[in-house]
């Protein structure tokens, strides 16, 4: 499967609830192995990740930072071990939404 296919997938938790699309893919720096995906829904989630606000790489302008703040707080990290099926259109998790790590906490690790 190509990374571009993963980026188009919708993430589904164990109970069948749609958590939104994949917003980012995390790779191990030395092996380029997928270590997990970032899940986020909402109108500003794509911008928060594409422009670097989610990782703290972008600082301004102030308005964009404020608009993307909620999307960043709601984003979750699903480790590759929490993925049951890497299907081409849906990524099915073996955990519930409540069991996923908030993205900001995952970035601190």
N, C-alpha and C. Protein backbone atom coordinates (compact mmCIF):
# COMPACT_ATOMS: atom_id res chain seq x y z
N UNK A 1 0.84 -1.17 0.00
CA UNK A 1 0.00 0.00 0.00
C UNK A 1 0.89 1.24 0.00
N UNK A 2 0.50 2.24 -0.74
CA UNK A 2 1.24 3.50 -0.81
C UNK A 2 0.79 4.45 0.29
N UNK A 3 1.69 5.33 0.70
CA UNK A 3 1.34 6.32 1.72
C UNK A 3 0.22 7.23 1.24
N UNK A 4 0.16 7.51 -0.05
CA UNK A 4 -0.91 8.36 -0.57
C UNK A 4 -2.28 7.70 -0.37
N UNK A 5 -2.34 6.37 -0.41
CA UNK A 5 -3.59 5.67 -0.16
C UNK A 5 -3.98 5.76 1.32
N UNK A 6 -2.99 5.68 2.21
CA UNK A 6 -3.25 5.80 3.63
C UNK A 6 -3.79 7.19 3.95
N UNK A 7 -3.25 8.22 3.32
CA UNK A 7 -3.68 9.59 3.56
C UNK A 7 -5.13 9.85 3.14
N UNK A 8 -5.65 9.03 2.25
CA UNK A 8 -7.03 9.19 1.79
C UNK A 8 -8.02 8.37 2.62
N UNK A 9 -7.51 7.54 3.53
CA UNK A 9 -8.36 6.61 4.28
C UNK A 9 -9.09 7.30 5.43
N UNK A 10 -10.21 6.73 5.79
CA UNK A 10 -10.97 7.14 6.97
C UNK A 10 -10.65 6.16 8.08
N UNK A 11 -10.47 6.65 9.29
CA UNK A 11 -10.15 5.80 10.44
C UNK A 11 -11.43 5.43 11.17
N UNK A 12 -11.58 4.14 11.45
CA UNK A 12 -12.75 3.59 12.12
C UNK A 12 -12.28 2.91 13.42
N UNK A 13 -12.92 3.23 14.55
CA UNK A 13 -12.51 2.59 15.80
C UNK A 13 -13.17 1.22 15.95
N UNK A 14 -12.87 0.53 17.03
CA UNK A 14 -13.34 -0.85 17.25
C UNK A 14 -14.86 -0.96 17.23
N UNK A 15 -15.56 0.07 17.68
CA UNK A 15 -17.03 0.02 17.72
C UNK A 15 -17.67 0.39 16.38
N UNK A 16 -16.86 0.75 15.39
CA UNK A 16 -17.39 1.10 14.07
C UNK A 16 -17.62 2.57 13.86
N UNK A 17 -17.25 3.41 14.82
CA UNK A 17 -17.44 4.86 14.72
C UNK A 17 -16.32 5.46 13.86
N UNK A 18 -16.71 6.32 12.93
CA UNK A 18 -15.75 7.02 12.09
C UNK A 18 -15.08 8.13 12.90
N UNK A 19 -13.75 8.14 12.93
CA UNK A 19 -12.99 9.13 13.68
C UNK A 19 -12.48 10.26 12.78
N UNK A 20 -12.73 10.16 11.50
CA UNK A 20 -12.27 11.16 10.56
C UNK A 20 -11.14 10.63 9.70
N UNK A 21 -10.64 11.45 8.83
CA UNK A 21 -9.58 11.01 7.92
C UNK A 21 -8.21 11.03 8.58
N UNK A 22 -7.30 10.32 7.96
CA UNK A 22 -5.89 10.37 8.37
C UNK A 22 -5.38 11.76 8.04
N UNK A 23 -4.74 12.43 8.99
CA UNK A 23 -4.21 13.78 8.77
C UNK A 23 -2.72 13.79 8.60
N UNK A 24 -2.05 12.77 9.13
CA UNK A 24 -0.60 12.71 9.03
C UNK A 24 -0.17 11.27 9.25
N UNK A 25 0.99 10.94 8.74
CA UNK A 25 1.58 9.61 8.92
C UNK A 25 2.92 9.81 9.61
N UNK A 26 3.16 9.06 10.67
CA UNK A 26 4.42 9.16 11.42
C UNK A 26 5.31 7.99 11.04
N UNK A 27 6.55 8.31 10.70
CA UNK A 27 7.53 7.31 10.30
C UNK A 27 8.70 7.30 11.28
N UNK A 28 9.31 6.11 11.46
CA UNK A 28 10.55 6.02 12.22
C UNK A 28 11.64 6.70 11.40
N UNK A 29 12.46 7.51 12.04
CA UNK A 29 13.44 8.31 11.30
C UNK A 29 14.52 7.50 10.61
N UNK A 30 14.91 6.39 11.18
CA UNK A 30 16.02 5.65 10.59
C UNK A 30 15.58 4.52 9.65
N UNK A 31 14.36 4.01 9.80
CA UNK A 31 13.91 2.89 8.97
C UNK A 31 12.76 3.24 8.05
N UNK A 32 12.15 4.39 8.23
CA UNK A 32 10.99 4.83 7.46
C UNK A 32 9.82 3.87 7.59
N UNK A 33 9.75 3.17 8.70
CA UNK A 33 8.64 2.28 9.01
C UNK A 33 7.51 3.13 9.60
N UNK A 34 6.27 2.82 9.21
CA UNK A 34 5.12 3.56 9.75
C UNK A 34 4.96 3.19 11.21
N UNK A 35 5.02 4.20 12.09
CA UNK A 35 4.82 3.95 13.52
C UNK A 35 3.42 4.33 13.97
N UNK A 36 2.68 5.04 13.12
CA UNK A 36 1.31 5.39 13.45
C UNK A 36 0.75 6.46 12.54
N UNK A 37 -0.51 6.77 12.78
CA UNK A 37 -1.20 7.79 12.00
C UNK A 37 -1.85 8.79 12.94
N UNK A 38 -2.01 10.00 12.45
CA UNK A 38 -2.70 11.05 13.19
C UNK A 38 -4.11 11.15 12.63
N UNK A 39 -5.08 11.15 13.53
CA UNK A 39 -6.49 11.19 13.17
C UNK A 39 -7.06 12.52 13.65
N UNK A 40 -7.82 13.16 12.80
CA UNK A 40 -8.46 14.40 13.21
C UNK A 40 -9.60 14.76 12.30
N UNK A 41 -10.65 15.28 12.90
CA UNK A 41 -11.81 15.72 12.12
C UNK A 41 -12.01 17.20 12.36
N UNK A 42 -12.80 17.80 11.52
CA UNK A 42 -13.10 19.22 11.68
C UNK A 42 -12.58 20.04 10.52
N UNK A 43 -13.12 21.24 10.37
CA UNK A 43 -12.80 22.05 9.21
C UNK A 43 -11.36 22.55 9.15
N UNK A 44 -10.70 22.70 10.29
CA UNK A 44 -9.34 23.24 10.28
C UNK A 44 -8.28 22.18 10.53
N UNK A 45 -8.68 20.91 10.65
CA UNK A 45 -7.73 19.85 10.95
C UNK A 45 -6.69 19.69 9.84
N UNK A 46 -7.12 19.71 8.61
CA UNK A 46 -6.16 19.55 7.50
C UNK A 46 -5.14 20.68 7.50
N UNK A 47 -5.59 21.90 7.69
CA UNK A 47 -4.67 23.04 7.73
C UNK A 47 -3.71 22.95 8.90
N UNK A 48 -4.20 22.52 10.06
CA UNK A 48 -3.35 22.42 11.25
C UNK A 48 -2.17 21.50 11.01
N UNK A 49 -2.39 20.42 10.28
CA UNK A 49 -1.32 19.46 10.04
C UNK A 49 -0.49 19.83 8.82
N UNK A 50 -1.13 20.27 7.77
CA UNK A 50 -0.40 20.62 6.55
C UNK A 50 0.52 21.81 6.74
N UNK A 51 0.13 22.76 7.56
CA UNK A 51 0.91 23.98 7.73
C UNK A 51 1.83 23.96 8.94
N UNK A 52 1.83 22.83 9.69
CA UNK A 52 2.77 22.69 10.79
C UNK A 52 2.32 23.19 12.15
N UNK A 53 1.07 23.61 12.28
CA UNK A 53 0.58 24.08 13.58
C UNK A 53 0.47 22.93 14.58
N UNK A 54 0.14 21.74 14.10
CA UNK A 54 -0.03 20.60 15.00
C UNK A 54 1.27 20.21 15.70
N UNK A 55 2.38 20.36 15.01
CA UNK A 55 3.67 19.97 15.58
C UNK A 55 4.40 21.13 16.23
N UNK A 56 3.82 22.31 16.16
CA UNK A 56 4.47 23.48 16.74
C UNK A 56 5.53 24.09 15.84
N UNK A 57 5.58 23.71 14.57
CA UNK A 57 6.56 24.27 13.64
C UNK A 57 6.16 25.65 13.14
N UNK A 58 4.85 25.94 13.18
CA UNK A 58 4.36 27.24 12.71
C UNK A 58 3.96 28.08 13.92
N UNK A 59 4.28 29.35 13.88
CA UNK A 59 3.98 30.25 14.99
C UNK A 59 2.91 31.28 14.65
N UNK A 60 2.73 31.62 13.45
CA UNK A 60 1.77 32.67 13.11
C UNK A 60 1.29 32.48 11.70
N UNK A 61 0.46 33.30 11.19
CA UNK A 61 -0.13 34.47 11.83
C UNK A 61 -1.11 34.07 12.94
N UNK A 62 -1.36 35.01 13.81
CA UNK A 62 -2.15 34.76 15.00
C UNK A 62 -3.52 34.17 14.68
N UNK A 63 -4.20 34.68 13.68
CA UNK A 63 -5.54 34.21 13.34
C UNK A 63 -5.53 32.73 12.97
N UNK A 64 -4.59 32.31 12.14
CA UNK A 64 -4.52 30.90 11.77
C UNK A 64 -4.20 30.02 12.97
N UNK A 65 -3.35 30.50 13.83
CA UNK A 65 -3.00 29.75 15.04
C UNK A 65 -4.24 29.54 15.91
N UNK A 66 -5.06 30.56 16.05
CA UNK A 66 -6.28 30.45 16.84
C UNK A 66 -7.31 29.52 16.18
N UNK A 67 -7.44 29.60 14.86
CA UNK A 67 -8.40 28.77 14.14
C UNK A 67 -8.02 27.29 14.18
N UNK A 68 -6.74 26.98 14.20
CA UNK A 68 -6.30 25.59 14.19
C UNK A 68 -6.12 25.00 15.59
N UNK A 69 -6.18 25.82 16.62
CA UNK A 69 -5.93 25.35 17.99
C UNK A 69 -6.86 24.21 18.40
N UNK A 70 -8.15 24.34 18.14
CA UNK A 70 -9.10 23.30 18.53
C UNK A 70 -8.82 21.99 17.79
N UNK A 71 -8.51 22.08 16.50
CA UNK A 71 -8.20 20.88 15.73
C UNK A 71 -6.99 20.16 16.30
N UNK A 72 -6.01 20.92 16.74
CA UNK A 72 -4.80 20.32 17.32
C UNK A 72 -5.14 19.63 18.64
N UNK A 73 -5.97 20.24 19.46
CA UNK A 73 -6.35 19.64 20.74
C UNK A 73 -7.15 18.35 20.55
N UNK A 74 -7.92 18.26 19.48
CA UNK A 74 -8.77 17.09 19.25
C UNK A 74 -8.05 15.98 18.49
N UNK A 75 -6.91 16.25 17.89
CA UNK A 75 -6.18 15.25 17.11
C UNK A 75 -5.69 14.12 18.02
N UNK A 76 -5.73 12.91 17.50
CA UNK A 76 -5.29 11.72 18.23
C UNK A 76 -4.26 10.96 17.42
N UNK A 77 -3.41 10.23 18.14
CA UNK A 77 -2.37 9.41 17.51
C UNK A 77 -2.73 7.95 17.67
N UNK A 78 -2.78 7.23 16.57
CA UNK A 78 -3.03 5.79 16.58
C UNK A 78 -1.74 5.09 16.19
N UNK A 79 -1.13 4.41 17.15
CA UNK A 79 0.11 3.68 16.88
C UNK A 79 -0.18 2.51 15.94
N UNK A 80 0.82 2.08 15.21
CA UNK A 80 0.61 1.00 14.24
C UNK A 80 0.12 -0.28 14.92
N UNK A 81 0.48 -0.50 16.19
CA UNK A 81 -0.01 -1.66 16.93
C UNK A 81 -1.49 -1.60 17.25
N UNK A 82 -2.08 -0.42 17.14
CA UNK A 82 -3.51 -0.25 17.40
C UNK A 82 -4.34 -0.39 16.13
N UNK A 83 -3.68 -0.64 15.02
CA UNK A 83 -4.38 -0.79 13.73
C UNK A 83 -4.63 -2.27 13.47
N UNK A 84 -5.90 -2.62 13.28
CA UNK A 84 -6.27 -4.00 12.98
C UNK A 84 -6.22 -4.28 11.47
N UNK A 85 -6.57 -3.26 10.65
CA UNK A 85 -6.63 -3.47 9.20
C UNK A 85 -6.25 -2.18 8.49
N UNK A 86 -5.27 -2.26 7.60
CA UNK A 86 -4.80 -1.11 6.83
C UNK A 86 -5.50 -1.08 5.47
N UNK A 87 -6.78 -1.33 5.43
CA UNK A 87 -7.53 -1.35 4.18
C UNK A 87 -7.32 -0.09 3.36
N UNK A 88 -7.52 -0.17 2.06
CA UNK A 88 -7.23 0.99 1.21
C UNK A 88 -8.13 2.20 1.44
N UNK A 89 -9.39 1.99 1.82
CA UNK A 89 -10.30 3.12 2.03
C UNK A 89 -10.59 3.38 3.50
N UNK A 90 -10.41 2.37 4.32
CA UNK A 90 -10.66 2.48 5.75
C UNK A 90 -9.52 1.86 6.53
N UNK A 91 -9.11 2.53 7.58
CA UNK A 91 -8.15 1.96 8.51
C UNK A 91 -8.94 1.61 9.76
N UNK A 92 -9.01 0.33 10.07
CA UNK A 92 -9.79 -0.13 11.21
C UNK A 92 -8.86 -0.33 12.41
N UNK A 93 -9.27 0.26 13.54
CA UNK A 93 -8.48 0.15 14.77
C UNK A 93 -9.01 -0.97 15.65
N UNK A 94 -8.14 -1.49 16.53
CA UNK A 94 -8.57 -2.50 17.49
C UNK A 94 -8.78 -1.87 18.87
N UNK A 95 -8.95 -0.54 18.92
CA UNK A 95 -9.19 0.21 20.15
C UNK A 95 -10.30 1.24 19.92
N UNK A 96 -10.81 1.78 21.01
CA UNK A 96 -11.81 2.84 20.95
C UNK A 96 -11.12 4.20 20.91
N UNK A 97 -11.85 5.23 20.54
CA UNK A 97 -11.32 6.59 20.49
C UNK A 97 -10.71 7.00 21.83
N UNK A 98 -11.35 6.67 22.93
CA UNK A 98 -10.88 7.06 24.26
C UNK A 98 -9.51 6.46 24.60
N UNK A 99 -9.13 5.40 23.93
CA UNK A 99 -7.85 4.74 24.20
C UNK A 99 -6.69 5.33 23.38
N UNK A 100 -7.00 6.20 22.44
CA UNK A 100 -5.95 6.80 21.61
C UNK A 100 -5.26 7.93 22.38
N UNK A 101 -3.99 8.10 22.11
CA UNK A 101 -3.19 9.14 22.76
C UNK A 101 -3.45 10.48 22.08
N UNK A 102 -3.68 11.54 22.84
CA UNK A 102 -3.77 12.87 22.22
C UNK A 102 -2.46 13.19 21.51
N UNK A 103 -2.57 13.81 20.35
CA UNK A 103 -1.38 14.09 19.54
C UNK A 103 -0.34 14.88 20.30
N UNK A 104 -0.74 15.89 21.05
CA UNK A 104 0.24 16.72 21.75
C UNK A 104 1.02 15.90 22.77
N UNK A 105 0.39 14.91 23.39
CA UNK A 105 1.09 14.04 24.33
C UNK A 105 2.04 13.11 23.58
N UNK A 106 1.61 12.60 22.43
CA UNK A 106 2.45 11.71 21.63
C UNK A 106 3.69 12.43 21.11
N UNK A 107 3.58 13.71 20.80
CA UNK A 107 4.72 14.47 20.29
C UNK A 107 5.78 14.68 21.36
N UNK A 108 5.39 14.67 22.62
CA UNK A 108 6.35 14.88 23.71
C UNK A 108 7.22 13.67 23.96
N UNK A 109 6.82 12.53 23.46
CA UNK A 109 7.56 11.28 23.70
C UNK A 109 8.77 11.18 22.83
